[in-house]
Amino acid sequence: MFSYEGKKAVVTGAGRGIGRRIALSFAELGADVVLAARTAAELEAVADEARALGREAHPVAADMSDLDAGLALVDRSIEAMGGIDIWVNNAGGGSSVKGGVGPLEDATVEGFDALIGLNLRVPFFCAREAADHMAGRGGGAILNIVSIDGVHAAPGEGLYGAAKAALISLTETMGVEYGRHNVRVNAIAPALIDTRLVERHLKTDEDRRARASFYPINRVGAPADIAGAAVYFCSDEAGWTSGQTLVVAGGNQAASDLFLWVRKHNPVPDDRKI
């Protein structure tokens, strides 16, 4: 099961964290890979790891918040590998643009555009370009890494959550519309994963224990948890699975403490208490 021999895969945000682990998992199973991210040095290191597994690896430094760069990546990947069988939209996240992260009452047009561009606009158009190419090859797999923030309310990260929710919707519709071409489109919605992007939340053992308590499985997620789901979704074994979003969140979706989090950080004013 889960042989990727002969497959050609593209993973964005592949320099570290979830993207790195997905790309190397594909390579371990036989795929050649194109690795995209902003930092060339990180990509080269991951490419060396993939090559040590006997695979072809092509690092491409690209800013995946830029649509032209994203579309160019599709063309470069086809040229480098002769085609694309798997496309993983992993690049995404917050923004340093004022009004992008924080309460919705502080949102700005500039912040909105930045979050939507990185987490929705570029992933969608890259996925569509890759899917059109796959349709001419007889099929393929698109995988969008979204977020649990796109599944339920995302206080403090509302614009990010809205972008991911929209990408979930497009995942479903693309899964329907591209099904006749044997192109499958799915998504994974992680909760907190232990990567450099969230290390500020996990500075001490106490921080880690507190965060682990959010999840019934009582630990923070790891990149390998997402890579395992990615291996399934992009494999031939998932050939009848499309338009789906899998929440990988340590059981949090089944027993969410989101309400308690909201109450802690957004207390009810005294004049509205019951």
Protein backbone atom coordinates (compact mmCIF):
# COMPACT_ATOMS: atom_id res chain seq x y z
CA MET A 1 0.00 0.00 0.00
CA PHE A 2 0.89 3.66 -0.44
CA SER A 3 3.45 3.39 -3.22
CA TYR A 4 4.31 6.71 -4.86
CA GLU A 5 6.72 5.22 -7.39
CA GLY A 6 6.65 7.25 -10.57
CA LYS A 7 4.59 10.08 -9.04
CA LYS A 8 5.53 13.73 -9.49
CA ALA A 9 4.57 15.90 -6.51
CA VAL A 10 4.72 19.63 -5.77
CA VAL A 11 4.59 20.86 -2.17
CA THR A 12 4.46 24.56 -1.30
CA GLY A 13 5.76 25.83 2.02
CA ALA A 14 8.14 22.87 1.92
CA GLY A 15 11.16 24.40 3.62
CA ARG A 16 10.17 23.35 7.13
CA GLY A 17 7.36 22.11 9.35
CA ILE A 18 4.34 20.46 7.80
CA GLY A 19 5.42 21.03 4.20
CA ARG A 20 8.84 19.51 4.77
CA ARG A 21 7.38 16.42 6.40
CA ILE A 22 4.80 15.92 3.65
CA ALA A 23 7.41 16.27 0.90
CA LEU A 24 9.80 13.81 2.56
CA SER A 25 6.99 11.34 3.22
CA PHE A 26 6.17 11.39 -0.49
CA ALA A 27 9.84 10.94 -1.36
CA GLU A 28 10.18 8.04 1.07
CA LEU A 29 7.38 6.32 -0.81
CA GLY A 30 8.95 6.89 -4.23
CA ALA A 31 7.84 10.30 -5.51
CA ASP A 32 9.99 12.91 -7.19
CA VAL A 33 9.30 16.34 -5.71
CA VAL A 34 9.33 20.04 -6.41
CA LEU A 35 9.79 22.01 -3.20
CA ALA A 36 8.63 25.62 -3.02
CA ALA A 37 9.06 28.26 -0.30
CA ARG A 38 10.63 31.67 0.17
CA THR A 39 13.90 30.60 1.82
CA ALA A 40 16.29 28.95 -0.62
CA ALA A 41 18.66 27.57 2.02
CA GLU A 42 15.88 25.67 3.79
CA LEU A 43 14.66 24.24 0.48
CA GLU A 44 18.14 23.05 -0.45
CA ALA A 45 18.40 21.18 2.84
CA VAL A 46 15.08 19.41 2.27
CA ALA A 47 16.04 18.66 -1.34
CA ASP A 48 19.25 17.03 -0.13
CA GLU A 49 17.20 14.83 2.22
CA ALA A 50 14.93 13.77 -0.66
CA ARG A 51 17.88 13.06 -2.94
CA ALA A 52 19.47 10.92 -0.22
CA LEU A 53 16.36 8.75 -0.57
CA GLY A 54 17.16 8.30 -4.25
CA ARG A 55 14.55 10.77 -5.51
CA GLU A 56 14.64 13.68 -7.89
CA ALA A 57 14.17 16.96 -5.99
CA HIS A 58 13.85 20.47 -7.36
CA PRO A 59 13.91 23.39 -4.89
CA VAL A 60 12.20 26.55 -6.16
CA ALA A 61 12.40 29.78 -4.17
CA ALA A 62 8.99 31.43 -4.58
CA ASP A 63 6.77 33.80 -2.64
CA MET A 64 3.44 31.99 -2.54
CA SER A 65 1.58 35.15 -1.62
CA ASP A 66 2.28 36.32 -5.18
CA LEU A 67 -0.10 34.87 -7.78
CA ASP A 68 2.31 35.27 -10.69
CA ALA A 69 4.98 33.37 -8.74
CA GLY A 70 2.49 30.63 -7.91
CA LEU A 71 1.37 30.17 -11.51
CA ALA A 72 4.99 30.21 -12.67
CA LEU A 73 5.67 27.40 -10.19
CA VAL A 74 3.13 25.21 -11.99
CA ASP A 75 4.94 25.73 -15.30
CA ARG A 76 8.39 25.23 -13.77
CA SER A 77 7.27 22.01 -12.09
CA ILE A 78 5.91 20.60 -15.34
CA GLU A 79 9.15 21.50 -17.09
CA ALA A 80 11.35 20.05 -14.34
CA MET A 81 9.53 16.75 -13.84
CA GLY A 82 7.65 16.27 -17.11
CA GLY A 83 4.29 16.62 -15.39
CA ILE A 84 2.46 16.91 -12.08
CA ASP A 85 0.46 14.13 -10.40
CA ILE A 86 0.11 15.72 -6.94
CA TRP A 87 -0.18 19.36 -5.88
CA VAL A 88 -0.14 20.29 -2.17
CA ASN A 89 -1.12 23.83 -1.18
CA ASN A 90 0.61 24.01 2.19
CA ALA A 91 1.97 27.57 2.16
CA GLY A 92 -0.23 29.91 4.17
CA GLY A 93 -0.59 31.53 7.56
CA GLY A 94 -0.94 34.93 9.15
CA SER A 95 0.29 38.31 7.98
CA SER A 96 2.33 41.17 9.38
CA VAL A 97 0.06 43.65 7.59
CA LYS A 98 -1.78 45.78 10.14
CA GLY A 99 -5.37 44.66 10.61
CA GLY A 100 -4.81 41.14 9.31
CA VAL A 101 -4.58 39.35 12.65
CA GLY A 102 -6.61 40.33 15.70
CA PRO A 103 -10.26 41.04 16.54
CA LEU A 104 -12.50 41.67 13.56
CA GLU A 105 -13.26 45.15 14.89
CA ASP A 106 -9.62 46.02 14.15
CA ALA A 107 -9.54 44.48 10.65
CA THR A 108 -8.35 46.64 7.75
CA VAL A 109 -8.84 46.32 4.02
CA GLU A 110 -5.08 45.86 3.63
CA GLY A 111 -5.04 43.11 6.25
CA PHE A 112 -8.03 41.43 4.64
CA ASP A 113 -6.40 41.45 1.20
CA ALA A 114 -3.14 40.03 2.57
CA LEU A 115 -4.83 37.14 4.39
CA ILE A 116 -7.15 36.32 1.50
CA GLY A 117 -4.32 36.51 -1.03
CA LEU A 118 -2.02 34.09 0.76
CA ASN A 119 -4.61 31.65 2.08
CA LEU A 120 -7.26 31.64 -0.66
CA ARG A 121 -6.53 33.52 -3.87
CA VAL A 122 -3.12 32.04 -4.68
CA PRO A 123 -3.90 28.48 -3.49
CA PHE A 124 -7.11 28.35 -5.53
CA PHE A 125 -5.68 29.59 -8.81
CA CYS A 126 -2.58 27.39 -8.46
CA ALA A 127 -4.79 24.39 -7.70
CA ARG A 128 -6.97 25.13 -10.72
CA GLU A 129 -3.93 25.49 -13.00
CA ALA A 130 -2.50 22.21 -11.70
CA ALA A 131 -5.89 20.47 -11.97
CA ASP A 132 -6.29 21.55 -15.61
CA HIS A 133 -2.87 20.07 -16.33
CA MET A 134 -3.74 16.85 -14.48
CA ALA A 135 -6.99 16.52 -16.43
CA GLY A 136 -4.93 16.21 -19.60
CA ARG A 137 -2.81 13.47 -17.98
CA GLY A 138 -5.73 11.31 -16.94
CA GLY A 139 -6.02 12.45 -13.35
CA GLY A 140 -4.23 13.52 -10.21
CA ALA A 141 -4.63 14.75 -6.65
CA ILE A 142 -4.88 18.24 -5.17
CA LEU A 143 -4.53 18.69 -1.40
CA ASN A 144 -5.23 21.93 0.45
CA ILE A 145 -3.85 22.34 3.96
CA VAL A 146 -6.49 24.49 5.63
CA SER A 147 -7.09 24.91 9.37
CA ILE A 148 -9.50 24.07 12.15
CA ASP A 149 -10.01 27.86 12.20
CA GLY A 150 -11.88 27.39 8.93
CA VAL A 151 -14.20 24.82 10.48
CA HIS A 152 -15.41 26.75 13.52
CA ALA A 153 -15.18 30.29 14.90
CA ALA A 154 -11.68 31.76 15.01
CA PRO A 155 -11.64 34.58 17.58
CA GLY A 156 -8.58 36.73 17.08
CA GLU A 157 -7.91 35.11 13.71
CA GLY A 158 -11.19 35.78 11.95
CA LEU A 159 -9.82 36.80 8.56
CA TYR A 160 -7.50 33.80 8.48
CA GLY A 161 -10.39 31.53 9.44
CA ALA A 162 -12.61 33.07 6.76
CA ALA A 163 -9.97 32.47 4.09
CA LYS A 164 -9.55 28.85 5.13
CA ALA A 165 -13.33 28.32 5.28
CA ALA A 166 -13.59 29.63 1.73
CA LEU A 167 -10.80 27.29 0.63
CA ILE A 168 -12.71 24.39 2.19
CA SER A 169 -15.75 25.38 0.11
CA LEU A 170 -13.67 25.56 -3.05
CA THR A 171 -12.17 22.16 -2.21
CA GLU A 172 -15.67 20.69 -2.17
CA THR A 173 -16.74 22.34 -5.41
CA MET A 174 -13.51 21.49 -7.24
CA GLY A 175 -13.92 17.90 -6.06
CA VAL A 176 -17.31 17.81 -7.79
CA GLU A 177 -16.41 19.72 -10.95
CA TYR A 178 -13.09 17.97 -11.62
CA GLY A 179 -14.31 14.50 -10.76
CA ARG A 180 -15.09 13.75 -14.40
CA HIS A 181 -11.39 14.29 -15.14
CA ASN A 182 -10.32 11.89 -12.36
CA VAL A 183 -8.77 14.81 -10.48
CA ARG A 184 -9.42 14.49 -6.76
CA VAL A 185 -9.42 17.52 -4.46
CA ASN A 186 -9.31 17.19 -0.67
CA ALA A 187 -8.25 19.18 2.39
CA ILE A 188 -6.75 18.65 5.83
CA ALA A 189 -7.69 20.98 8.70
CA PRO A 190 -5.06 20.80 11.46
CA ALA A 191 -5.26 22.28 14.94
CA LEU A 192 -2.05 23.50 16.65
CA ILE A 193 1.00 21.79 15.14
CA ASP A 194 4.43 22.03 16.76
CA THR A 195 6.32 24.10 14.18
CA ARG A 196 8.41 27.26 14.21
CA LEU A 197 5.32 29.34 13.45
CA VAL A 198 3.73 28.47 16.81
CA GLU A 199 6.79 28.19 19.03
CA ARG A 200 5.77 31.40 20.83
CA HIS A 201 2.85 29.42 22.27
CA LEU A 202 5.08 26.58 23.45
CA LYS A 203 7.99 28.33 25.17
CA THR A 204 7.85 26.41 28.46
CA ASP A 205 6.80 22.98 29.67
CA GLU A 206 3.85 24.67 31.36
CA ASP A 207 2.83 26.23 28.04
CA ARG A 208 3.05 22.86 26.34
CA ARG A 209 0.99 21.11 29.03
CA ALA A 210 -1.65 23.84 28.88
CA ARG A 211 -1.92 23.57 25.11
CA ALA A 212 -1.95 19.77 25.24
CA SER A 213 -4.95 19.95 27.57
CA PHE A 214 -6.97 21.48 24.70
CA TYR A 215 -6.97 18.07 23.01
CA PRO A 216 -8.47 14.78 24.22
CA ILE A 217 -5.35 12.95 23.00
CA ASN A 218 -3.44 15.29 25.36
CA ARG A 219 -0.59 16.46 23.18
CA VAL A 220 0.12 19.11 20.61
CA GLY A 221 0.13 17.91 17.01
CA ALA A 222 3.30 17.11 15.04
CA PRO A 223 4.03 17.59 11.33
CA ALA A 224 4.02 13.81 10.92
CA ASP A 225 0.37 13.75 12.01
CA ILE A 226 -0.55 15.86 8.99
CA ALA A 227 1.85 14.08 6.64
CA GLY A 228 0.19 10.75 7.43
CA ALA A 229 -3.18 12.10 6.35
CA ALA A 230 -1.59 13.68 3.26
CA VAL A 231 -0.07 10.34 2.23
CA TYR A 232 -3.56 8.81 2.26
CA PHE A 233 -5.36 11.61 0.42
CA CYS A 234 -2.79 11.79 -2.40
CA SER A 235 -2.41 8.03 -2.82
CA ASP A 236 -4.06 5.69 -5.29
CA GLU A 237 -5.73 4.04 -2.28
CA ALA A 238 -7.81 7.22 -1.91
CA GLY A 239 -8.95 6.98 -5.52
CA TRP A 240 -12.64 7.26 -4.55
CA THR A 241 -12.21 10.06 -2.03
CA SER A 242 -12.72 13.66 -3.14
CA GLY A 243 -14.23 16.91 -1.91
CA GLN A 244 -13.47 15.97 1.70
CA THR A 245 -11.95 17.89 4.60
CA LEU A 246 -10.37 15.86 7.38
CA VAL A 247 -9.96 17.59 10.76
CA VAL A 248 -6.69 16.40 12.35
CA ALA A 249 -6.89 17.94 15.80
CA GLY A 250 -6.30 15.37 18.52
CA GLY A 251 -10.03 14.85 19.06
CA ASN A 252 -10.65 18.57 19.59
CA GLN A 253 -13.43 18.70 17.02
CA ALA A 254 -15.36 16.06 18.95
CA ALA A 255 -15.00 17.82 22.31
CA SER A 256 -14.11 21.43 21.57
CA ASP A 257 -13.24 23.78 24.41
CA LEU A 258 -13.46 26.76 22.07
CA PHE A 259 -16.29 28.27 24.11
CA LEU A 260 -14.13 28.26 27.25
CA TRP A 261 -11.29 29.89 25.31
CA VAL A 262 -13.61 32.59 24.02
CA ARG A 263 -14.98 33.31 27.49
CA LYS A 264 -11.47 33.52 28.95
CA HIS A 265 -10.23 35.99 26.35
CA ASN A 266 -13.52 37.80 25.69
CA PRO A 267 -15.27 38.07 29.10
CA VAL A 268 -18.90 39.12 29.16
CA PRO A 269 -19.26 42.75 30.29
CA ASP A 270 -20.80 43.13 33.74
CA ASP A 271 -23.92 44.83 32.40
CA ARG A 272 -24.62 41.82 30.17
CA LYS A 273 -24.05 39.03 32.67
CA ILE A 274 -27.05 36.87 33.44
